[in-house]
Amino acid sequence: MESGKPITDFLRFSRVLAEDIFPLLEEYCYENYGMLRELLGQGIVDEENQRIRSELFLPERRDDLIQALLAPFPEIGTSTAAIVAEPLEPDADPEDAAEENE
Protein backbone atom coordinates (compact mmCIF):
# COMPACT_ATOMS: atom_id res chain seq x y z
CA MET A 1 0.00 0.00 0.00
CA GLU A 2 1.04 3.56 -0.61
CA SER A 3 -0.62 6.51 1.10
CA GLY A 4 -3.19 4.14 2.52
CA LYS A 5 -4.26 2.79 -0.88
CA PRO A 6 -3.41 -0.49 -2.64
CA ILE A 7 -0.80 -0.35 -5.36
CA THR A 8 -2.65 -1.17 -8.58
CA ASP A 9 0.13 -0.57 -11.11
CA PHE A 10 2.10 -3.79 -11.59
CA LEU A 11 5.40 -2.08 -12.46
CA ARG A 12 5.17 0.00 -9.29
CA PHE A 13 4.28 -3.12 -7.28
CA SER A 14 7.29 -5.05 -8.59
CA ARG A 15 9.57 -2.06 -7.92
CA VAL A 16 8.35 -1.86 -4.31
CA LEU A 17 9.04 -5.58 -3.89
CA ALA A 18 12.51 -5.32 -5.42
CA GLU A 19 13.63 -2.08 -3.79
CA ASP A 20 11.83 -2.03 -0.45
CA ILE A 21 10.30 -5.29 0.73
CA PHE A 22 12.83 -7.92 -0.32
CA PRO A 23 15.89 -5.96 0.87
CA LEU A 24 14.15 -5.46 4.21
CA LEU A 25 13.45 -9.20 4.46
CA GLU A 26 17.11 -9.93 3.60
CA GLU A 27 18.13 -7.67 6.47
CA TYR A 28 15.62 -9.22 8.91
CA CYS A 29 16.87 -12.70 7.99
CA TYR A 30 20.51 -11.61 8.39
CA GLU A 31 21.05 -12.61 4.75
CA ASN A 32 20.21 -16.24 5.59
CA TYR A 33 19.05 -17.32 2.13
CA GLY A 34 17.79 -20.66 3.41
CA MET A 35 15.37 -18.82 5.67
CA LEU A 36 14.45 -16.44 2.87
CA ARG A 37 13.75 -19.41 0.59
CA GLU A 38 11.43 -20.82 3.25
CA LEU A 39 9.58 -17.49 3.45
CA LEU A 40 9.47 -16.54 -0.22
CA GLY A 41 9.96 -19.81 -2.11
CA GLN A 42 12.66 -21.12 -4.37
CA GLY A 43 11.19 -19.27 -7.35
CA ILE A 44 12.18 -15.97 -5.75
CA VAL A 45 15.30 -16.97 -3.82
CA ASP A 46 18.40 -18.54 -5.37
CA GLU A 47 19.82 -20.04 -2.19
CA GLU A 48 22.87 -21.57 -3.89
CA ASN A 49 24.04 -18.20 -5.23
CA GLN A 50 22.81 -16.27 -2.16
CA ARG A 51 20.57 -13.84 -4.01
CA ILE A 52 17.04 -12.76 -4.84
CA ARG A 53 16.25 -13.56 -8.48
CA SER A 54 16.31 -9.93 -9.67
CA GLU A 55 15.63 -10.93 -13.28
CA LEU A 56 12.02 -11.63 -12.24
CA PHE A 57 11.46 -7.89 -11.84
CA LEU A 58 11.95 -7.12 -15.53
CA PRO A 59 8.66 -6.05 -17.16
CA GLU A 60 8.78 -8.93 -19.65
CA ARG A 61 9.00 -11.44 -16.75
CA ARG A 62 5.71 -10.31 -15.17
CA ASP A 63 4.06 -13.74 -15.48
CA ASP A 64 7.12 -15.45 -13.99
CA LEU A 65 7.11 -13.08 -11.02
CA ILE A 66 3.41 -13.67 -10.38
CA GLN A 67 3.85 -17.43 -10.51
CA ALA A 68 6.93 -17.28 -8.24
CA LEU A 69 5.02 -15.18 -5.70
CA LEU A 70 2.08 -17.59 -5.73
CA ALA A 71 4.09 -20.86 -5.73
CA PRO A 72 4.57 -21.12 -1.93
CA PHE A 73 0.82 -20.68 -1.46
CA PRO A 74 -1.00 -23.29 -3.58
CA GLU A 75 -4.25 -22.50 -1.78
CA ILE A 76 -4.28 -19.21 -3.72
CA GLY A 77 -5.22 -20.81 -7.00
CA THR A 78 -5.30 -18.46 -9.94
CA SER A 79 -3.79 -17.94 -13.32
CA THR A 80 -2.08 -14.98 -14.85
CA ALA A 81 -5.02 -14.66 -17.25
CA ALA A 82 -7.39 -14.28 -14.29
CA ILE A 83 -5.17 -11.68 -12.67
CA VAL A 84 -5.05 -9.47 -15.76
CA ALA A 85 -8.63 -10.11 -16.88
CA GLU A 86 -10.00 -7.02 -15.15
CA PRO A 87 -7.11 -4.60 -14.57
CA LEU A 88 -7.76 -1.56 -12.43
CA GLU A 89 -6.91 1.85 -13.71
CA PRO A 90 -3.55 2.92 -12.24
CA ASP A 91 -5.15 5.47 -9.92
CA ALA A 92 -8.58 3.84 -9.64
CA ASP A 93 -10.27 3.98 -6.27
CA PRO A 94 -11.87 0.57 -5.54
CA GLU A 95 -14.68 2.33 -3.65
CA ASP A 96 -15.54 4.36 -6.77
CA ALA A 97 -15.73 1.14 -8.81
CA ALA A 98 -18.06 -0.42 -6.23
CA GLU A 99 -20.35 2.63 -6.34
CA GLU A 100 -20.50 2.45 -10.15
CA ASN A 101 -21.61 -1.20 -9.98
CA GLU A 102 -24.52 -0.45 -7.62
PDB file of N, CA and C in Angstrom:
ATOM      1  N   MET A   1       0.842  -1.170   0.000  1.00  0.00           N
ATOM      2  CA  MET A   1       0.000   0.000   0.000  1.00  0.00           C
ATOM      3  C   MET A   1       0.892   1.240   0.000  1.00  0.00           C
ATOM      4  N   GLU A   2       0.378   2.259  -0.614  1.00  0.00           N
ATOM      5  CA  GLU A   2       1.037   3.564  -0.610  1.00  0.00           C
ATOM      6  C   GLU A   2      -0.005   4.610  -0.270  1.00  0.00           C
ATOM      7  N   SER A   3       0.309   5.456   0.660  1.00  0.00           N
ATOM      8  CA  SER A   3      -0.619   6.508   1.098  1.00  0.00           C
ATOM      9  C   SER A   3      -1.976   5.930   1.469  1.00  0.00           C
ATOM     10  N   GLY A   4      -1.962   4.752   2.064  1.00  0.00           N
ATOM     11  CA  GLY A   4      -3.195   4.135   2.519  1.00  0.00           C
ATOM     12  C   GLY A   4      -4.029   3.474   1.444  1.00  0.00           C
ATOM     13  N   LYS A   5      -3.517   3.401   0.219  1.00  0.00           N
ATOM     14  CA  LYS A   5      -4.263   2.788  -0.879  1.00  0.00           C
ATOM     15  C   LYS A   5      -3.443   1.654  -1.486  1.00  0.00           C
ATOM     16  N   PRO A   6      -4.136   0.626  -1.992  1.00  0.00           N
ATOM     17  CA  PRO A   6      -3.411  -0.488  -2.635  1.00  0.00           C
ATOM     18  C   PRO A   6      -2.674  -0.017  -3.885  1.00  0.00           C
ATOM     19  N   ILE A   7      -1.537  -0.614  -4.127  1.00  0.00           N
ATOM     20  CA  ILE A   7      -0.798  -0.348  -5.365  1.00  0.00           C
ATOM     21  C   ILE A   7      -1.487  -1.150  -6.464  1.00  0.00           C
ATOM     22  N   THR A   8      -1.950  -0.486  -7.507  1.00  0.00           N
ATOM     23  CA  THR A   8      -2.650  -1.171  -8.584  1.00  0.00           C
ATOM     24  C   THR A   8      -1.843  -1.242  -9.874  1.00  0.00           C
ATOM     25  N   ASP A   9      -0.734  -0.545  -9.937  1.00  0.00           N
ATOM     26  CA  ASP A   9       0.134  -0.569 -11.110  1.00  0.00           C
ATOM     27  C   ASP A   9       1.182  -1.664 -10.902  1.00  0.00           C
ATOM     28  N   PHE A  10       1.213  -2.652 -11.794  1.00  0.00           N
ATOM     29  CA  PHE A  10       2.095  -3.790 -11.589  1.00  0.00           C
ATOM     30  C   PHE A  10       3.569  -3.397 -11.577  1.00  0.00           C
ATOM     31  N   LEU A  11       3.985  -2.496 -12.451  1.00  0.00           N
ATOM     32  CA  LEU A  11       5.396  -2.081 -12.457  1.00  0.00           C
ATOM     33  C   LEU A  11       5.785  -1.439 -11.133  1.00  0.00           C
ATOM     34  N   ARG A  12       4.901  -0.628 -10.592  1.00  0.00           N
ATOM     35  CA  ARG A  12       5.169  -0.002  -9.289  1.00  0.00           C
ATOM     36  C   ARG A  12       5.232  -1.073  -8.207  1.00  0.00           C
ATOM     37  N   PHE A  13       4.308  -2.021  -8.244  1.00  0.00           N
ATOM     38  CA  PHE A  13       4.280  -3.120  -7.281  1.00  0.00           C
ATOM     39  C   PHE A  13       5.586  -3.905  -7.319  1.00  0.00           C
ATOM     40  N   SER A  14       6.058  -4.271  -8.504  1.00  0.00           N
ATOM     41  CA  SER A  14       7.294  -5.048  -8.595  1.00  0.00           C
ATOM     42  C   SER A  14       8.497  -4.232  -8.136  1.00  0.00           C
ATOM     43  N   ARG A  15       8.485  -2.922  -8.384  1.00  0.00           N
ATOM     44  CA  ARG A  15       9.570  -2.055  -7.922  1.00  0.00           C
ATOM     45  C   ARG A  15       9.597  -1.986  -6.393  1.00  0.00           C
ATOM     46  N   VAL A  16       8.428  -1.900  -5.774  1.00  0.00           N
ATOM     47  CA  VAL A  16       8.348  -1.863  -4.313  1.00  0.00           C
ATOM     48  C   VAL A  16       8.875  -3.180  -3.728  1.00  0.00           C
ATOM     49  N   LEU A  17       8.506  -4.292  -4.347  1.00  0.00           N
ATOM     50  CA  LEU A  17       9.040  -5.581  -3.889  1.00  0.00           C
ATOM     51  C   LEU A  17      10.561  -5.603  -3.983  1.00  0.00           C
ATOM     52  N   ALA A  18      11.076  -5.233  -5.157  1.00  0.00           N
ATOM     53  CA  ALA A  18      12.514  -5.321  -5.421  1.00  0.00           C
ATOM     54  C   ALA A  18      13.342  -4.332  -4.605  1.00  0.00           C
ATOM     55  N   GLU A  19      12.831  -3.132  -4.418  1.00  0.00           N
ATOM     56  CA  GLU A  19      13.633  -2.077  -3.794  1.00  0.00           C
ATOM     57  C   GLU A  19      13.361  -1.886  -2.306  1.00  0.00           C
ATOM     58  N   ASP A  20      12.187  -2.291  -1.839  1.00  0.00           N
ATOM     59  CA  ASP A  20      11.826  -2.029  -0.448  1.00  0.00           C
ATOM     60  C   ASP A  20      11.613  -3.307   0.366  1.00  0.00           C
ATOM     61  N   ILE A  21      10.711  -4.149  -0.090  1.00  0.00           N
ATOM     62  CA  ILE A  21      10.298  -5.289   0.731  1.00  0.00           C
ATOM     63  C   ILE A  21      11.366  -6.380   0.792  1.00  0.00           C
ATOM     64  N   PHE A  22      11.860  -6.831  -0.354  1.00  0.00           N
ATOM     65  CA  PHE A  22      12.833  -7.924  -0.324  1.00  0.00           C
ATOM     66  C   PHE A  22      14.150  -7.539   0.354  1.00  0.00           C
ATOM     67  N   PRO A  23      14.684  -6.337   0.117  1.00  0.00           N
ATOM     68  CA  PRO A  23      15.895  -5.960   0.870  1.00  0.00           C
ATOM     69  C   PRO A  23      15.661  -5.921   2.381  1.00  0.00           C
ATOM     70  N   LEU A  24      14.480  -5.480   2.789  1.00  0.00           N
ATOM     71  CA  LEU A  24      14.154  -5.458   4.209  1.00  0.00           C
ATOM     72  C   LEU A  24      14.094  -6.882   4.768  1.00  0.00           C
ATOM     73  N   LEU A  25      13.485  -7.800   4.020  1.00  0.00           N
ATOM     74  CA  LEU A  25      13.448  -9.200   4.457  1.00  0.00           C
ATOM     75  C   LEU A  25      14.852  -9.803   4.521  1.00  0.00           C
ATOM     76  N   GLU A  26      15.717  -9.452   3.557  1.00  0.00           N
ATOM     77  CA  GLU A  26      17.106  -9.927   3.599  1.00  0.00           C
ATOM     78  C   GLU A  26      17.777  -9.467   4.891  1.00  0.00           C
ATOM     79  N   GLU A  27      17.549  -8.221   5.245  1.00  0.00           N
ATOM     80  CA  GLU A  27      18.133  -7.675   6.468  1.00  0.00           C
ATOM     81  C   GLU A  27      17.565  -8.385   7.703  1.00  0.00           C
ATOM     82  N   TYR A  28      16.249  -8.557   7.764  1.00  0.00           N
ATOM     83  CA  TYR A  28      15.623  -9.218   8.909  1.00  0.00           C
ATOM     84  C   TYR A  28      16.113 -10.652   9.077  1.00  0.00           C
ATOM     85  N   CYS A  29      16.398 -11.308   7.947  1.00  0.00           N
ATOM     86  CA  CYS A  29      16.869 -12.704   7.990  1.00  0.00           C
ATOM     87  C   CYS A  29      18.391 -12.791   8.079  1.00  0.00           C
ATOM     88  N   TYR A  30      19.045 -11.662   8.296  1.00  0.00           N
ATOM     89  CA  TYR A  30      20.509 -11.613   8.385  1.00  0.00           C
ATOM     90  C   TYR A  30      21.150 -12.286   7.182  1.00  0.00           C
ATOM     91  N   GLU A  31      20.565 -12.060   6.004  1.00  0.00           N
ATOM     92  CA  GLU A  31      21.047 -12.614   4.746  1.00  0.00           C
ATOM     93  C   GLU A  31      21.177 -14.130   4.787  1.00  0.00           C
ATOM     94  N   ASN A  32      20.294 -14.785   5.548  1.00  0.00           N
ATOM     95  CA  ASN A  32      20.208 -16.238   5.587  1.00  0.00           C
ATOM     96  C   ASN A  32      19.267 -16.643   4.449  1.00  0.00           C
ATOM     97  N   TYR A  33      19.846 -17.046   3.315  1.00  0.00           N
ATOM     98  CA  TYR A  33      19.046 -17.316   2.130  1.00  0.00           C
ATOM     99  C   TYR A  33      18.243 -18.607   2.241  1.00  0.00           C
ATOM    100  N   GLY A  34      18.611 -19.490   3.134  1.00  0.00           N
ATOM    101  CA  GLY A  34      17.792 -20.664   3.410  1.00  0.00           C
ATOM    102  C   GLY A  34      16.483 -20.248   4.059  1.00  0.00           C
ATOM    103  N   MET A  35      16.571 -19.335   5.006  1.00  0.00           N
ATOM    104  CA  MET A  35      15.373 -18.824   5.675  1.00  0.00           C
ATOM    105  C   MET A  35      14.522 -18.020   4.688  1.00  0.00           C
ATOM    106  N   LEU A  36      15.177 -17.206   3.873  1.00  0.00           N
ATOM    107  CA  LEU A  36      14.447 -16.438   2.867  1.00  0.00           C
ATOM    108  C   LEU A  36      13.727 -17.357   1.885  1.00  0.00           C
ATOM    109  N   ARG A  37      14.373 -18.448   1.493  1.00  0.00           N
ATOM    110  CA  ARG A  37      13.748 -19.410   0.588  1.00  0.00           C
ATOM    111  C   ARG A  37      12.504 -20.014   1.231  1.00  0.00           C
ATOM    112  N   GLU A  38      12.588 -20.282   2.539  1.00  0.00           N
ATOM    113  CA  GLU A  38      11.426 -20.820   3.247  1.00  0.00           C
ATOM    114  C   GLU A  38      10.278 -19.810   3.269  1.00  0.00           C
ATOM    115  N   LEU A  39      10.605 -18.540   3.408  1.00  0.00           N
ATOM    116  CA  LEU A  39       9.581 -17.494   3.445  1.00  0.00           C
ATOM    117  C   LEU A  39       8.994 -17.176   2.073  1.00  0.00           C
ATOM    118  N   LEU A  40       9.874 -17.058   1.077  1.00  0.00           N
ATOM    119  CA  LEU A  40       9.468 -16.540  -0.224  1.00  0.00           C
ATOM    120  C   LEU A  40       9.361 -17.593  -1.318  1.00  0.00           C
ATOM    121  N   GLY A  41       9.990 -18.746  -1.112  1.00  0.00           N
ATOM    122  CA  GLY A  41       9.964 -19.810  -2.111  1.00  0.00           C
ATOM    123  C   GLY A  41      11.202 -19.810  -2.983  1.00  0.00           C
ATOM    124  N   GLN A  42      11.458 -20.971  -3.557  1.00  0.00           N
ATOM    125  CA  GLN A  42      12.664 -21.117  -4.373  1.00  0.00           C
ATOM    126  C   GLN A  42      12.553 -20.397  -5.714  1.00  0.00           C
ATOM    127  N   GLY A  43      11.348 -20.038  -6.122  1.00  0.00           N
ATOM    128  CA  GLY A  43      11.193 -19.271  -7.354  1.00  0.00           C
ATOM    129  C   GLY A  43      11.717 -17.853  -7.219  1.00  0.00           C
ATOM    130  N   ILE A  44      11.708 -17.326  -6.013  1.00  0.00           N
ATOM    131  CA  ILE A  44      12.180 -15.966  -5.750  1.00  0.00           C
ATOM    132  C   ILE A  44      13.629 -15.968  -5.282  1.00  0.00           C
ATOM    133  N   VAL A  45      13.984 -16.951  -4.458  1.00  0.00           N
ATOM    134  CA  VAL A  45      15.304 -16.971  -3.821  1.00  0.00           C
ATOM    135  C   VAL A  45      16.191 -18.040  -4.447  1.00  0.00           C
ATOM    136  N   ASP A  46      17.367 -17.623  -4.881  1.00  0.00           N
ATOM    137  CA  ASP A  46      18.400 -18.536  -5.368  1.00  0.00           C
ATOM    138  C   ASP A  46      19.345 -18.761  -4.194  1.00  0.00           C
ATOM    139  N   GLU A  47      19.046 -19.790  -3.412  1.00  0.00           N
ATOM    140  CA  GLU A  47      19.819 -20.038  -2.188  1.00  0.00           C
ATOM    141  C   GLU A  47      21.276 -20.374  -2.504  1.00  0.00           C
ATOM    142  N   GLU A  48      21.506 -21.148  -3.548  1.00  0.00           N
ATOM    143  CA  GLU A  48      22.874 -21.567  -3.893  1.00  0.00           C
ATOM    144  C   GLU A  48      23.784 -20.367  -4.172  1.00  0.00           C
ATOM    145  N   ASN A  49      23.245 -19.383  -4.884  1.00  0.00           N
ATOM    146  CA  ASN A  49      24.040 -18.198  -5.230  1.00  0.00           C
ATOM    147  C   ASN A  49      23.805 -17.028  -4.286  1.00  0.00           C
ATOM    148  N   GLN A  50      23.030 -17.269  -3.198  1.00  0.00           N
ATOM    149  CA  GLN A  50      22.815 -16.265  -2.161  1.00  0.00           C
ATOM    150  C   GLN A  50      22.291 -14.947  -2.724  1.00  0.00           C
ATOM    151  N   ARG A  51      21.125 -15.056  -3.414  1.00  0.00           N
ATOM    152  CA  ARG A  51      20.567 -13.841  -4.015  1.00  0.00           C
ATOM    153  C   ARG A  51      19.075 -13.986  -4.243  1.00  0.00           C
ATOM    154  N   ILE A  52      18.420 -12.844  -4.377  1.00  0.00           N
ATOM    155  CA  ILE A  52      17.040 -12.759  -4.843  1.00  0.00           C
ATOM    156  C   ILE A  52      17.108 -12.751  -6.365  1.00  0.00           C
ATOM    157  N   ARG A  53      16.239 -13.468  -7.013  1.00  0.00           N
ATOM    158  CA  ARG A  53      16.249 -13.556  -8.484  1.00  0.00           C
ATOM    159  C   ARG A  53      15.749 -12.232  -9.088  1.00  0.00           C
ATOM    160  N   SER A  54      16.659 -11.279  -9.218  1.00  0.00           N
ATOM    161  CA  SER A  54      16.305  -9.929  -9.675  1.00  0.00           C
ATOM    162  C   SER A  54      15.776  -9.907 -11.105  1.00  0.00           C
ATOM    163  N   GLU A  55      16.114 -10.901 -11.902  1.00  0.00           N
ATOM    164  CA  GLU A  55      15.632 -10.930 -13.281  1.00  0.00           C
ATOM    165  C   GLU A  55      14.104 -11.047 -13.346  1.00  0.00           C
ATOM    166  N   LEU A  56      13.478 -11.517 -12.279  1.00  0.00           N
ATOM    167  CA  LEU A  56      12.018 -11.629 -12.244  1.00  0.00           C
ATOM    168  C   LEU A  56      11.328 -10.268 -12.250  1.00  0.00           C
ATOM    169  N   PHE A  57      12.058  -9.216 -11.942  1.00  0.00           N
ATOM    170  CA  PHE A  57      11.461  -7.889 -11.838  1.00  0.00           C
ATOM    171  C   PHE A  57      11.493  -7.114 -13.159  1.00  0.00           C
ATOM    172  N   LEU A  58      11.994  -7.747 -14.209  1.00  0.00           N
ATOM    173  CA  LEU A  58      11.954  -7.125 -15.531  1.00  0.00           C
ATOM    174  C   LEU A  58      10.514  -7.151 -16.032  1.00  0.00           C
ATOM    175  N   PRO A  59      10.059  -6.100 -16.707  1.00  0.00           N
ATOM    176  CA  PRO A  59       8.664  -6.050 -17.160  1.00  0.00           C
ATOM    177  C   PRO A  59       8.244  -7.269 -17.982  1.00  0.00           C
ATOM    178  N   GLU A  60       9.132  -7.781 -18.805  1.00  0.00           N
ATOM    179  CA  GLU A  60       8.777  -8.926 -19.645  1.00  0.00           C
ATOM    180  C   GLU A  60       8.680 -10.248 -18.866  1.00  0.00           C
ATOM    181  N   ARG A  61       9.072 -10.234 -17.596  1.00  0.00           N
ATOM    182  CA  ARG A  61       8.996 -11.440 -16.754  1.00  0.00           C
ATOM    183  C   ARG A  61       7.828 -11.360 -15.766  1.00  0.00           C
ATOM    184  N   ARG A  62       6.859 -10.514 -16.049  1.00  0.00           N
ATOM    185  CA  ARG A  62       5.711 -10.312 -15.168  1.00  0.00           C
ATOM    186  C   ARG A  62       5.045 -11.630 -14.778  1.00  0.00           C
ATOM    187  N   ASP A  63       4.741 -12.469 -15.766  1.00  0.00           N
ATOM    188  CA  ASP A  63       4.064 -13.736 -15.484  1.00  0.00           C
ATOM    189  C   ASP A  63       4.908 -14.628 -14.580  1.00  0.00           C
ATOM    190  N   ASP A  64       6.219 -14.643 -14.816  1.00  0.00           N
ATOM    191  CA  ASP A  64       7.120 -15.451 -13.991  1.00  0.00           C
ATOM    192  C   ASP A  64       7.133 -14.960 -12.548  1.00  0.00           C
ATOM    193  N   LEU A  65       7.132 -13.638 -12.362  1.00  0.00           N
ATOM    194  CA  LEU A  65       7.113 -13.083 -11.016  1.00  0.00           C
ATOM    195  C   LEU A  65       5.817 -13.448 -10.304  1.00  0.00           C
ATOM    196  N   ILE A  66       4.710 -13.318 -10.987  1.00  0.00           N
ATOM    197  CA  ILE A  66       3.415 -13.666 -10.384  1.00  0.00           C
ATOM    198  C   ILE A  66       3.408 -15.125  -9.956  1.00  0.00           C
ATOM    199  N   GLN A  67       3.848 -16.002 -10.834  1.00  0.00           N
ATOM    200  CA  GLN A  67       3.847 -17.430 -10.507  1.00  0.00           C
ATOM    201  C   GLN A  67       4.814 -17.729  -9.363  1.00  0.00           C
ATOM    202  N   ALA A  68       5.974 -17.064  -9.332  1.00  0.00           N
ATOM    203  CA  ALA A  68       6.934 -17.277  -8.242  1.00  0.00           C
ATOM    204  C   ALA A  68       6.370 -16.791  -6.911  1.00  0.00           C
ATOM    205  N   LEU A  69       5.632 -15.693  -6.932  1.00  0.00           N
ATOM    206  CA  LEU A  69       5.020 -15.180  -5.705  1.00  0.00           C
ATOM    207  C   LEU A  69       3.920 -16.111  -5.195  1.00  0.00           C
ATOM    208  N   LEU A  70       3.184 -16.711  -6.113  1.00  0.00           N
ATOM    209  CA  LEU A  70       2.080 -17.590  -5.734  1.00  0.00           C
ATOM    210  C   LEU A  70       2.517 -19.007  -5.386  1.00  0.00           C
ATOM    211  N   ALA A  71       3.655 -19.462  -5.885  1.00  0.00           N
ATOM    212  CA  ALA A  71       4.088 -20.856  -5.727  1.00  0.00           C
ATOM    213  C   ALA A  71       4.083 -21.360  -4.283  1.00  0.00           C
ATOM    214  N   PRO A  72       4.570 -20.600  -3.306  1.00  0.00           N
ATOM    215  CA  PRO A  72       4.572 -21.122  -1.930  1.00  0.00           C
ATOM    216  C   PRO A  72       3.176 -21.230  -1.314  1.00  0.00           C
ATOM    217  N   PHE A  73       2.168 -20.720  -2.001  1.00  0.00           N
ATOM    218  CA  PHE A  73       0.815 -20.680  -1.459  1.00  0.00           C
ATOM    219  C   PHE A  73      -0.170 -21.317  -2.438  1.00  0.00           C
ATOM    220  N   PRO A  74      -0.142 -22.643  -2.590  1.00  0.00           N
ATOM    221  CA  PRO A  74      -0.999 -23.293  -3.581  1.00  0.00           C
ATOM    222  C   PRO A  74      -2.489 -23.092  -3.319  1.00  0.00           C
ATOM    223  N   GLU A  75      -2.845 -22.740  -2.080  1.00  0.00           N
ATOM    224  CA  GLU A  75      -4.254 -22.502  -1.780  1.00  0.00           C
ATOM    225  C   GLU A  75      -4.785 -21.245  -2.467  1.00  0.00           C
ATOM    226  N   ILE A  76      -3.877 -20.390  -2.951  1.00  0.00           N
ATOM    227  CA  ILE A  76      -4.284 -19.214  -3.716  1.00  0.00           C
ATOM    228  C   ILE A  76      -4.204 -19.614  -5.183  1.00  0.00           C
ATOM    229  N   GLY A  77      -5.214 -20.307  -5.627  1.00  0.00           N
ATOM    230  CA  GLY A  77      -5.215 -20.805  -6.998  1.00  0.00           C
ATOM    231  C   GLY A  77      -5.733 -19.768  -7.965  1.00  0.00           C
ATOM    232  N   THR A  78      -4.899 -19.398  -8.906  1.00  0.00           N
ATOM    233  CA  THR A  78      -5.301 -18.461  -9.941  1.00  0.00           C
ATOM    234  C   THR A  78      -4.348 -18.605 -11.107  1.00  0.00           C
ATOM    235  N   SER A  79      -4.665 -17.955 -12.163  1.00  0.00           N
ATOM    236  CA  SER A  79      -3.792 -17.944 -13.323  1.00  0.00           C
ATOM    237  C   SER A  79      -3.469 -16.501 -13.661  1.00  0.00           C
ATOM    238  N   THR A  80      -2.434 -16.326 -14.433  1.00  0.00           N
ATOM    239  CA  THR A  80      -2.075 -14.977 -14.853  1.00  0.00           C
ATOM    240  C   THR A  80      -3.217 -14.360 -15.643  1.00  0.00           C
ATOM    241  N   ALA A  81      -3.895 -15.175 -16.460  1.00  0.00           N
ATOM    242  CA  ALA A  81      -5.018 -14.662 -17.250  1.00  0.00           C
ATOM    243  C   ALA A  81      -6.103 -14.094 -16.341  1.00  0.00           C
ATOM    244  N   ALA A  82      -6.370 -14.765 -15.228  1.00  0.00           N
ATOM    245  CA  ALA A  82      -7.392 -14.277 -14.293  1.00  0.00           C
ATOM    246  C   ALA A  82      -6.953 -12.984 -13.635  1.00  0.00           C
ATOM    247  N   ILE A  83      -5.687 -12.876 -13.341  1.00  0.00           N
ATOM    248  CA  ILE A  83      -5.173 -11.680 -12.670  1.00  0.00           C
ATOM    249  C   ILE A  83      -5.295 -10.458 -13.566  1.00  0.00           C
ATOM    250  N   VAL A  84      -5.029 -10.617 -14.857  1.00  0.00           N
ATOM    251  CA  VAL A  84      -5.052  -9.472 -15.760  1.00  0.00           C
ATOM    252  C   VAL A  84      -6.393  -9.305 -16.465  1.00  0.00           C
ATOM    253  N   ALA A  85      -7.353 -10.170 -16.186  1.00  0.00           N
ATOM    254  CA  ALA A  85      -8.634 -10.113 -16.881  1.00  0.00           C
ATOM    255  C   ALA A  85      -9.361  -8.792 -16.661  1.00  0.00           C
ATOM    256  N   GLU A  86      -9.319  -8.270 -15.459  1.00  0.00           N
ATOM    257  CA  GLU A  86     -10.003  -7.016 -15.154  1.00  0.00           C
ATOM    258  C   GLU A  86      -9.048  -6.055 -14.460  1.00  0.00           C
ATOM    259  N   PRO A  87      -8.077  -5.504 -15.211  1.00  0.00           N
ATOM    260  CA  PRO A  87      -7.114  -4.599 -14.568  1.00  0.00           C
ATOM    261  C   PRO A  87      -7.776  -3.316 -14.085  1.00  0.00           C
ATOM    262  N   LEU A  88      -7.306  -2.850 -12.948  1.00  0.00           N
ATOM    263  CA  LEU A  88      -7.760  -1.562 -12.430  1.00  0.00           C
ATOM    264  C   LEU A  88      -7.004  -0.459 -13.134  1.00  0.00           C
ATOM    265  N   GLU A  89      -7.614   0.669 -13.216  1.00  0.00           N
ATOM    266  CA  GLU A  89      -6.909   1.845 -13.713  1.00  0.00           C
ATOM    267  C   GLU A  89      -5.803   2.159 -12.716  1.00  0.00           C
ATOM    268  N   PRO A  90      -4.658   2.679 -13.161  1.00  0.00           N
ATOM    269  CA  PRO A  90      -3.548   2.921 -12.242  1.00  0.00           C
ATOM    270  C   PRO A  90      -3.914   3.698 -10.990  1.00  0.00           C
ATOM    271  N   ASP A  91      -4.787   4.676 -11.092  1.00  0.00           N
ATOM    272  CA  ASP A  91      -5.149   5.467  -9.924  1.00  0.00           C
ATOM    273  C   ASP A  91      -6.604   5.245  -9.516  1.00  0.00           C
ATOM    274  N   ALA A  92      -7.169   4.108  -9.935  1.00  0.00           N
ATOM    275  CA  ALA A  92      -8.580   3.845  -9.641  1.00  0.00           C
ATOM    276  C   ALA A  92      -8.787   3.652  -8.150  1.00  0.00           C
ATOM    277  N   ASP A  93      -9.880   4.166  -7.662  1.00  0.00           N
ATOM    278  CA  ASP A  93     -10.270   3.980  -6.268  1.00  0.00           C
ATOM    279  C   ASP A  93     -11.276   2.838  -6.238  1.00  0.00           C
ATOM    280  N   PRO A  94     -10.955   1.712  -5.574  1.00  0.00           N
ATOM    281  CA  PRO A  94     -11.867   0.568  -5.541  1.00  0.00           C
ATOM    282  C   PRO A  94     -13.255   0.924  -5.037  1.00  0.00           C
ATOM    283  N   GLU A  95     -13.376   1.917  -4.142  1.00  0.00           N
ATOM    284  CA  GLU A  95     -14.682   2.325  -3.646  1.00  0.00           C
ATOM    285  C   GLU A  95     -15.501   2.976  -4.750  1.00  0.00           C
ATOM    286  N   ASP A  96     -14.838   3.750  -5.643  1.00  0.00           N
ATOM    287  CA  ASP A  96     -15.545   4.356  -6.769  1.00  0.00           C
ATOM    288  C   ASP A  96     -16.086   3.282  -7.696  1.00  0.00           C
ATOM    289  N   ALA A  97     -15.297   2.234  -7.937  1.00  0.00           N
ATOM    290  CA  ALA A  97     -15.731   1.143  -8.811  1.00  0.00           C
ATOM    291  C   ALA A  97     -16.927   0.434  -8.205  1.00  0.00           C
ATOM    292  N   ALA A  98     -16.936   0.249  -6.895  1.00  0.00           N
ATOM    293  CA  ALA A  98     -18.060  -0.417  -6.226  1.00  0.00           C
ATOM    294  C   ALA A  98     -19.319   0.424  -6.351  1.00  0.00           C
ATOM    295  N   GLU A  99     -19.188   1.737  -6.213  1.00  0.00           N
ATOM    296  CA  GLU A  99     -20.345   2.625  -6.341  1.00  0.00           C
ATOM    297  C   GLU A  99     -20.923   2.589  -7.747  1.00  0.00           C
ATOM    298  N   GLU A 100     -20.046   2.497  -8.774  1.00  0.00           N
ATOM    299  CA  GLU A 100     -20.499   2.451 -10.153  1.00  0.00           C
ATOM    300  C   GLU A 100     -21.280   1.184 -10.426  1.00  0.00           C
ATOM    301  N   ASN A 101     -20.950   0.079  -9.750  1.00  0.00           N
ATOM    302  CA  ASN A 101     -21.609  -1.199  -9.981  1.00  0.00           C
ATOM    303  C   ASN A 101     -22.938  -1.326  -9.251  1.00  0.00           C
ATOM    304  N   GLU A 102     -23.265  -0.385  -8.390  1.00  0.00           N
ATOM    305  CA  GLU A 102     -24.522  -0.453  -7.623  1.00  0.00           C
ATOM    306  C   GLU A 102     -25.701  -0.031  -8.458  1.00  0.00           C
TER     307      GLU A 102
END
